């Protein structure tokens, strides 16, 4: 999951469902030891995806050809294509 404009609403709905705060939902769901978690222990922000996109479309990425770049913060072990 990537933090976008829609994220606060989704977290609030899940928090209401679980009877905890939205902050606690995020901490619980994105911790490294959570099934939904990742290696960085937090949600990836859309700006981080934008930085990666800007790099990959720049002249600085000239050596990146046909590579798989996964910006998940270390979540999951599978790649789907």
PDB file of N, CA and C in Angstrom:
ATOM      1  N   UNK A   1       0.840  -1.182   0.000  1.00  0.00           N
ATOM      2  CA  UNK A   1       0.000   0.000   0.000  1.00  0.00           C
ATOM      3  C   UNK A   1       0.883   1.243   0.000  1.00  0.00           C
ATOM      4  N   UNK A   2       0.488   2.198  -0.785  1.00  0.00           N
ATOM      5  CA  UNK A   2       1.207   3.464  -0.886  1.00  0.00           C
ATOM      6  C   UNK A   2       0.319   4.583  -0.343  1.00  0.00           C
ATOM      7  N   UNK A   3       0.912   5.472   0.461  1.00  0.00           N
ATOM      8  CA  UNK A   3       0.151   6.589   1.024  1.00  0.00           C
ATOM      9  C   UNK A   3      -0.202   7.572  -0.096  1.00  0.00           C
ATOM     10  N   UNK A   4      -1.497   7.801  -0.253  1.00  0.00           N
ATOM     11  CA  UNK A   4      -2.013   8.751  -1.237  1.00  0.00           C
ATOM     12  C   UNK A   4      -3.075   9.610  -0.559  1.00  0.00           C
ATOM     13  N   UNK A   5      -3.785  10.396  -1.329  1.00  0.00           N
ATOM     14  CA  UNK A   5      -4.861  11.225  -0.793  1.00  0.00           C
ATOM     15  C   UNK A   5      -5.985  10.378  -0.207  1.00  0.00           C
ATOM     16  N   UNK A   6      -6.115   9.160  -0.668  1.00  0.00           N
ATOM     17  CA  UNK A   6      -7.191   8.266  -0.239  1.00  0.00           C
ATOM     18  C   UNK A   6      -6.866   7.532   1.070  1.00  0.00           C
ATOM     19  N   UNK A   7      -5.612   7.471   1.428  1.00  0.00           N
ATOM     20  CA  UNK A   7      -5.171   6.679   2.576  1.00  0.00           C
ATOM     21  C   UNK A   7      -5.825   7.059   3.902  1.00  0.00           C
ATOM     22  N   UNK A   8      -5.920   8.347   4.261  1.00  0.00           N
ATOM     23  CA  UNK A   8      -6.551   8.672   5.553  1.00  0.00           C
ATOM     24  C   UNK A   8      -7.969   8.107   5.694  1.00  0.00           C
ATOM     25  N   UNK A   9      -8.739   8.154   4.629  1.00  0.00           N
ATOM     26  CA  UNK A   9     -10.102   7.623   4.665  1.00  0.00           C
ATOM     27  C   UNK A   9     -10.092   6.103   4.866  1.00  0.00           C
ATOM     28  N   UNK A  10      -9.192   5.415   4.189  1.00  0.00           N
ATOM     29  CA  UNK A  10      -9.104   3.963   4.342  1.00  0.00           C
ATOM     30  C   UNK A  10      -8.658   3.573   5.742  1.00  0.00           C
ATOM     31  N   UNK A  11      -7.670   4.294   6.271  1.00  0.00           N
ATOM     32  CA  UNK A  11      -7.195   4.011   7.627  1.00  0.00           C
ATOM     33  C   UNK A  11      -8.280   4.293   8.658  1.00  0.00           C
ATOM     34  N   UNK A  12      -9.035   5.369   8.469  1.00  0.00           N
ATOM     35  CA  UNK A  12     -10.113   5.711   9.398  1.00  0.00           C
ATOM     36  C   UNK A  12     -11.196   4.634   9.403  1.00  0.00           C
ATOM     37  N   UNK A  13     -11.520   4.123   8.235  1.00  0.00           N
ATOM     38  CA  UNK A  13     -12.540   3.076   8.142  1.00  0.00           C
ATOM     39  C   UNK A  13     -12.062   1.801   8.839  1.00  0.00           C
ATOM     40  N   UNK A  14     -10.822   1.446   8.622  1.00  0.00           N
ATOM     41  CA  UNK A  14     -10.262   0.245   9.269  1.00  0.00           C
ATOM     42  C   UNK A  14     -10.176   0.463  10.783  1.00  0.00           C
ATOM     43  N   UNK A  15      -9.824   1.655  11.213  1.00  0.00           N
ATOM     44  CA  UNK A  15      -9.737   1.970  12.636  1.00  0.00           C
ATOM     45  C   UNK A  15     -11.104   1.832  13.301  1.00  0.00           C
ATOM     46  N   UNK A  16     -12.118   2.336  12.636  1.00  0.00           N
ATOM     47  CA  UNK A  16     -13.477   2.248  13.178  1.00  0.00           C
ATOM     48  C   UNK A  16     -13.890   0.783  13.309  1.00  0.00           C
ATOM     49  N   UNK A  17     -13.555  -0.014  12.303  1.00  0.00           N
ATOM     50  CA  UNK A  17     -13.852  -1.444  12.295  1.00  0.00           C
ATOM     51  C   UNK A  17     -13.208  -2.149  13.491  1.00  0.00           C
ATOM     52  N   UNK A  18     -11.955  -1.773  13.778  1.00  0.00           N
ATOM     53  CA  UNK A  18     -11.178  -2.434  14.826  1.00  0.00           C
ATOM     54  C   UNK A  18     -11.297  -1.772  16.190  1.00  0.00           C
ATOM     55  N   UNK A  19     -11.886  -0.577  16.224  1.00  0.00           N
ATOM     56  CA  UNK A  19     -12.033   0.129  17.486  1.00  0.00           C
ATOM     57  C   UNK A  19     -10.726   0.692  18.032  1.00  0.00           C
ATOM     58  N   UNK A  20      -9.824   1.075  17.125  1.00  0.00           N
ATOM     59  CA  UNK A  20      -8.551   1.678  17.524  1.00  0.00           C
ATOM     60  C   UNK A  20      -8.322   2.922  16.675  1.00  0.00           C
ATOM     61  N   UNK A  21      -7.286   3.669  16.969  1.00  0.00           N
ATOM     62  CA  UNK A  21      -7.018   4.886  16.198  1.00  0.00           C
ATOM     63  C   UNK A  21      -6.413   4.548  14.832  1.00  0.00           C
ATOM     64  N   UNK A  22      -6.541   5.483  13.907  1.00  0.00           N
ATOM     65  CA  UNK A  22      -5.950   5.299  12.571  1.00  0.00           C
ATOM     66  C   UNK A  22      -4.439   5.150  12.670  1.00  0.00           C
ATOM     67  N   UNK A  23      -3.817   5.889  13.597  1.00  0.00           N
ATOM     68  CA  UNK A  23      -2.367   5.789  13.790  1.00  0.00           C
ATOM     69  C   UNK A  23      -1.982   4.388  14.257  1.00  0.00           C
ATOM     70  N   UNK A  24      -2.792   3.809  15.146  1.00  0.00           N
ATOM     71  CA  UNK A  24      -2.517   2.459  15.630  1.00  0.00           C
ATOM     72  C   UNK A  24      -2.710   1.416  14.530  1.00  0.00           C
ATOM     73  N   UNK A  25      -3.685   1.644  13.667  1.00  0.00           N
ATOM     74  CA  UNK A  25      -3.883   0.734  12.532  1.00  0.00           C
ATOM     75  C   UNK A  25      -2.637   0.732  11.666  1.00  0.00           C
ATOM     76  N   UNK A  26      -2.148   1.918  11.360  1.00  0.00           N
ATOM     77  CA  UNK A  26      -0.966   2.012  10.503  1.00  0.00           C
ATOM     78  C   UNK A  26       0.252   1.371  11.162  1.00  0.00           C
ATOM     79  N   UNK A  27       0.469   1.659  12.429  1.00  0.00           N
ATOM     80  CA  UNK A  27       1.609   1.061  13.139  1.00  0.00           C
ATOM     81  C   UNK A  27       1.502  -0.454  13.154  1.00  0.00           C
ATOM     82  N   UNK A  28       0.307  -0.949  13.428  1.00  0.00           N
ATOM     83  CA  UNK A  28       0.099  -2.398  13.517  1.00  0.00           C
ATOM     84  C   UNK A  28       0.232  -3.074  12.160  1.00  0.00           C
ATOM     85  N   UNK A  29      -0.410  -2.494  11.155  1.00  0.00           N
ATOM     86  CA  UNK A  29      -0.453  -3.141   9.841  1.00  0.00           C
ATOM     87  C   UNK A  29       0.840  -3.033   9.052  1.00  0.00           C
ATOM     88  N   UNK A  30       1.657  -2.038   9.340  1.00  0.00           N
ATOM     89  CA  UNK A  30       2.847  -1.849   8.521  1.00  0.00           C
ATOM     90  C   UNK A  30       4.145  -2.098   9.270  1.00  0.00           C
ATOM     91  N   UNK A  31       4.039  -2.672  10.439  1.00  0.00           N
ATOM     92  CA  UNK A  31       5.245  -3.059  11.179  1.00  0.00           C
ATOM     93  C   UNK A  31       5.929  -4.214  10.444  1.00  0.00           C
ATOM     94  N   UNK A  32       7.220  -4.324  10.622  1.00  0.00           N
ATOM     95  CA  UNK A  32       8.013  -5.349   9.947  1.00  0.00           C
ATOM     96  C   UNK A  32       7.519  -6.759  10.249  1.00  0.00           C
ATOM     97  N   UNK A  33       7.004  -6.990  11.450  1.00  0.00           N
ATOM     98  CA  UNK A  33       6.572  -8.338  11.828  1.00  0.00           C
ATOM     99  C   UNK A  33       5.109  -8.627  11.484  1.00  0.00           C
ATOM    100  N   UNK A  34       4.443  -7.683  10.843  1.00  0.00           N
ATOM    101  CA  UNK A  34       3.056  -7.871  10.433  1.00  0.00           C
ATOM    102  C   UNK A  34       3.007  -8.541   9.064  1.00  0.00           C
ATOM    103  N   UNK A  35       1.996  -9.385   8.820  1.00  0.00           N
ATOM    104  CA  UNK A  35       1.856  -9.981   7.483  1.00  0.00           C
ATOM    105  C   UNK A  35       1.718  -8.924   6.378  1.00  0.00           C
ATOM    106  N   UNK A  36       1.196  -7.752   6.724  1.00  0.00           N
ATOM    107  CA  UNK A  36       1.048  -6.666   5.758  1.00  0.00           C
ATOM    108  C   UNK A  36       2.269  -5.754   5.758  1.00  0.00           C
ATOM    109  N   UNK A  37       3.175  -5.968   6.684  1.00  0.00           N
ATOM    110  CA  UNK A  37       4.295  -5.058   6.893  1.00  0.00           C
ATOM    111  C   UNK A  37       5.358  -5.108   5.809  1.00  0.00           C
ATOM    112  N   UNK A  38       6.390  -4.308   6.015  1.00  0.00           N
ATOM    113  CA  UNK A  38       7.506  -4.275   5.085  1.00  0.00           C
ATOM    114  C   UNK A  38       8.795  -4.028   5.857  1.00  0.00           C
ATOM    115  N   UNK A  39       9.901  -4.077   5.170  1.00  0.00           N
ATOM    116  CA  UNK A  39      11.211  -3.959   5.820  1.00  0.00           C
ATOM    117  C   UNK A  39      11.467  -2.573   6.397  1.00  0.00           C
ATOM    118  N   UNK A  40      10.850  -1.536   5.851  1.00  0.00           N
ATOM    119  CA  UNK A  40      11.095  -0.189   6.359  1.00  0.00           C
ATOM    120  C   UNK A  40      10.166   0.163   7.514  1.00  0.00           C
ATOM    121  N   UNK A  41       9.185  -0.690   7.801  1.00  0.00           N
ATOM    122  CA  UNK A  41       8.319  -0.517   8.955  1.00  0.00           C
ATOM    123  C   UNK A  41       7.335   0.632   8.874  1.00  0.00           C
ATOM    124  N   UNK A  42       7.025   1.059   7.662  1.00  0.00           N
ATOM    125  CA  UNK A  42       6.050   2.139   7.478  1.00  0.00           C
ATOM    126  C   UNK A  42       5.508   2.060   6.059  1.00  0.00           C
ATOM    127  N   UNK A  43       4.462   2.817   5.810  1.00  0.00           N
ATOM    128  CA  UNK A  43       3.863   2.858   4.489  1.00  0.00           C
ATOM    129  C   UNK A  43       4.754   3.665   3.537  1.00  0.00           C
ATOM    130  N   UNK A  44       4.845   3.219   2.310  1.00  0.00           N
ATOM    131  CA  UNK A  44       5.579   3.960   1.281  1.00  0.00           C
ATOM    132  C   UNK A  44       4.739   5.167   0.880  1.00  0.00           C
ATOM    133  N   UNK A  45       5.379   6.313   0.747  1.00  0.00           N
ATOM    134  CA  UNK A  45       4.681   7.538   0.380  1.00  0.00           C
ATOM    135  C   UNK A  45       4.696   7.708  -1.141  1.00  0.00           C
ATOM    136  N   UNK A  46       3.631   8.267  -1.685  1.00  0.00           N
ATOM    137  CA  UNK A  46       3.546   8.476  -3.138  1.00  0.00           C
ATOM    138  C   UNK A  46       4.712   9.316  -3.652  1.00  0.00           C
ATOM    139  N   UNK A  47       5.207  10.241  -2.830  1.00  0.00           N
ATOM    140  CA  UNK A  47       6.343  11.056  -3.269  1.00  0.00           C
ATOM    141  C   UNK A  47       7.582  10.199  -3.502  1.00  0.00           C
ATOM    142  N   UNK A  48       7.727   9.117  -2.738  1.00  0.00           N
ATOM    143  CA  UNK A  48       8.870   8.219  -2.926  1.00  0.00           C
ATOM    144  C   UNK A  48       8.776   7.490  -4.264  1.00  0.00           C
ATOM    145  N   UNK A  49       7.568   7.149  -4.662  1.00  0.00           N
ATOM    146  CA  UNK A  49       7.358   6.542  -5.978  1.00  0.00           C
ATOM    147  C   UNK A  49       7.668   7.576  -7.058  1.00  0.00           C
ATOM    148  N   UNK A  50       7.272   8.813  -6.829  1.00  0.00           N
ATOM    149  CA  UNK A  50       7.547   9.890  -7.790  1.00  0.00           C
ATOM    150  C   UNK A  50       9.045  10.111  -7.955  1.00  0.00           C
ATOM    151  N   UNK A  51       9.801  10.082  -6.842  1.00  0.00           N
ATOM    152  CA  UNK A  51      11.262  10.250  -6.931  1.00  0.00           C
ATOM    153  C   UNK A  51      11.876   9.144  -7.776  1.00  0.00           C
ATOM    154  N   UNK A  52      11.417   7.919  -7.555  1.00  0.00           N
ATOM    155  CA  UNK A  52      11.929   6.790  -8.329  1.00  0.00           C
ATOM    156  C   UNK A  52      11.580   6.942  -9.802  1.00  0.00           C
ATOM    157  N   UNK A  53      10.356   7.340 -10.070  1.00  0.00           N
ATOM    158  CA  UNK A  53       9.915   7.553 -11.451  1.00  0.00           C
ATOM    159  C   UNK A  53      10.747   8.632 -12.127  1.00  0.00           C
ATOM    160  N   UNK A  54      10.986   9.726 -11.418  1.00  0.00           N
ATOM    161  CA  UNK A  54      11.799  10.818 -11.969  1.00  0.00           C
ATOM    162  C   UNK A  54      13.208  10.332 -12.282  1.00  0.00           C
ATOM    163  N   UNK A  55      13.781   9.536 -11.388  1.00  0.00           N
ATOM    164  CA  UNK A  55      15.115   8.998 -11.647  1.00  0.00           C
ATOM    165  C   UNK A  55      15.107   8.097 -12.880  1.00  0.00           C
ATOM    166  N   UNK A  56      14.147   7.175 -12.934  1.00  0.00           N
ATOM    167  CA  UNK A  56      14.115   6.211 -14.041  1.00  0.00           C
ATOM    168  C   UNK A  56      13.874   6.871 -15.397  1.00  0.00           C
ATOM    169  N   UNK A  57      13.247   8.036 -15.398  1.00  0.00           N
ATOM    170  CA  UNK A  57      13.011   8.737 -16.661  1.00  0.00           C
ATOM    171  C   UNK A  57      14.091   9.772 -16.968  1.00  0.00           C
ATOM    172  N   UNK A  58      15.094   9.843 -16.103  1.00  0.00           N
ATOM    173  CA  UNK A  58      16.161  10.825 -16.303  1.00  0.00           C
ATOM    174  C   UNK A  58      17.347  10.218 -17.045  1.00  0.00           C
ATOM    175  N   UNK A  59      18.245  11.068 -17.458  1.00  0.00           N
ATOM    176  CA  UNK A  59      19.475  10.617 -18.111  1.00  0.00           C
ATOM    177  C   UNK A  59      20.385   9.864 -17.147  1.00  0.00           C
ATOM    178  N   UNK A  60      20.168  10.002 -15.867  1.00  0.00           N
ATOM    179  CA  UNK A  60      20.997   9.320 -14.873  1.00  0.00           C
ATOM    180  C   UNK A  60      20.716   7.826 -14.801  1.00  0.00           C
ATOM    181  N   UNK A  61      19.624   7.378 -15.388  1.00  0.00           N
ATOM    182  CA  UNK A  61      19.264   5.964 -15.346  1.00  0.00           C
ATOM    183  C   UNK A  61      19.607   5.259 -16.652  1.00  0.00           C
ATOM    184  N   UNK A  62      20.565   5.782 -17.368  1.00  0.00           N
ATOM    185  CA  UNK A  62      20.892   5.233 -18.692  1.00  0.00           C
ATOM    186  C   UNK A  62      21.296   3.768 -18.648  1.00  0.00           C
ATOM    187  N   UNK A  63      21.857   3.292 -17.547  1.00  0.00           N
ATOM    188  CA  UNK A  63      22.304   1.904 -17.469  1.00  0.00           C
ATOM    189  C   UNK A  63      21.203   0.949 -17.005  1.00  0.00           C
ATOM    190  N   UNK A  64      20.050   1.470 -16.668  1.00  0.00           N
ATOM    191  CA  UNK A  64      18.943   0.634 -16.217  1.00  0.00           C
ATOM    192  C   UNK A  64      18.140   0.236 -17.440  1.00  0.00           C
ATOM    193  N   UNK A  65      18.310  -0.999 -17.859  1.00  0.00           N
ATOM    194  CA  UNK A  65      17.610  -1.469 -19.055  1.00  0.00           C
ATOM    195  C   UNK A  65      16.952  -2.811 -18.764  1.00  0.00           C
ATOM    196  N   UNK A  66      15.666  -2.858 -18.903  1.00  0.00           N
ATOM    197  CA  UNK A  66      14.934  -4.104 -18.709  1.00  0.00           C
ATOM    198  C   UNK A  66      15.005  -4.628 -17.286  1.00  0.00           C
ATOM    199  N   UNK A  67      15.198  -3.758 -16.324  1.00  0.00           N
ATOM    200  CA  UNK A  67      15.300  -4.173 -14.929  1.00  0.00           C
ATOM    201  C   UNK A  67      13.939  -4.106 -14.259  1.00  0.00           C
ATOM    202  N   UNK A  68      13.810  -4.853 -13.202  1.00  0.00           N
ATOM    203  CA  UNK A  68      12.616  -4.814 -12.383  1.00  0.00           C
ATOM    204  C   UNK A  68      12.932  -4.001 -11.138  1.00  0.00           C
ATOM    205  N   UNK A  69      12.223  -2.913 -10.940  1.00  0.00           N
ATOM    206  CA  UNK A  69      12.421  -2.061  -9.773  1.00  0.00           C
ATOM    207  C   UNK A  69      11.134  -2.111  -8.959  1.00  0.00           C
ATOM    208  N   UNK A  70      11.241  -2.609  -7.741  1.00  0.00           N
ATOM    209  CA  UNK A  70      10.068  -2.784  -6.898  1.00  0.00           C
ATOM    210  C   UNK A  70      10.178  -1.823  -5.725  1.00  0.00           C
ATOM    211  N   UNK A  71       9.290  -0.858  -5.657  1.00  0.00           N
ATOM    212  CA  UNK A  71       9.318   0.161  -4.607  1.00  0.00           C
ATOM    213  C   UNK A  71       8.235  -0.121  -3.578  1.00  0.00           C
ATOM    214  N   UNK A  72       8.424  -1.200  -2.835  1.00  0.00           N
ATOM    215  CA  UNK A  72       7.432  -1.613  -1.847  1.00  0.00           C
ATOM    216  C   UNK A  72       7.907  -1.431  -0.418  1.00  0.00           C
ATOM    217  N   UNK A  73       9.099  -0.909  -0.242  1.00  0.00           N
ATOM    218  CA  UNK A  73       9.643  -0.808   1.100  1.00  0.00           C
ATOM    219  C   UNK A  73      10.089  -2.151   1.650  1.00  0.00           C
ATOM    220  N   UNK A  74      10.192  -3.129   0.768  1.00  0.00           N
ATOM    221  CA  UNK A  74      10.614  -4.469   1.186  1.00  0.00           C
ATOM    222  C   UNK A  74       9.467  -5.402   1.524  1.00  0.00           C
ATOM    223  N   UNK A  75       8.264  -5.079   1.086  1.00  0.00           N
ATOM    224  CA  UNK A  75       7.098  -5.937   1.353  1.00  0.00           C
ATOM    225  C   UNK A  75       7.054  -7.085   0.357  1.00  0.00           C
ATOM    226  N   UNK A  76       6.732  -8.230   0.848  1.00  0.00           N
ATOM    227  CA  UNK A  76       6.541  -9.392  -0.014  1.00  0.00           C
ATOM    228  C   UNK A  76       7.819  -9.931  -0.597  1.00  0.00           C
ATOM    229  N   UNK A  77       7.698 -11.101  -1.135  1.00  0.00           N
ATOM    230  CA  UNK A  77       8.856 -11.754  -1.719  1.00  0.00           C
ATOM    231  C   UNK A  77       8.597 -12.191  -3.154  1.00  0.00           C
ATOM    232  N   UNK A  78       7.454 -11.784  -3.664  1.00  0.00           N
ATOM    233  CA  UNK A  78       7.070 -12.181  -5.008  1.00  0.00           C
ATOM    234  C   UNK A  78       7.002 -10.984  -5.917  1.00  0.00           C
ATOM    235  N   UNK A  79       7.240 -11.235  -7.181  1.00  0.00           N
ATOM    236  CA  UNK A  79       7.131 -10.205  -8.203  1.00  0.00           C
ATOM    237  C   UNK A  79       6.091 -10.682  -9.210  1.00  0.00           C
ATOM    238  N   UNK A  80       5.123  -9.844  -9.465  1.00  0.00           N
ATOM    239  CA  UNK A  80       4.052 -10.193 -10.403  1.00  0.00           C
ATOM    240  C   UNK A  80       4.207  -9.339 -11.651  1.00  0.00           C
ATOM    241  N   UNK A  81       4.116  -9.959 -12.793  1.00  0.00           N
ATOM    242  CA  UNK A  81       4.177  -9.212 -14.041  1.00  0.00           C
ATOM    243  C   UNK A  81       3.294  -9.844 -15.070  1.00  0.00           C
TER     244      UNK A  81
END
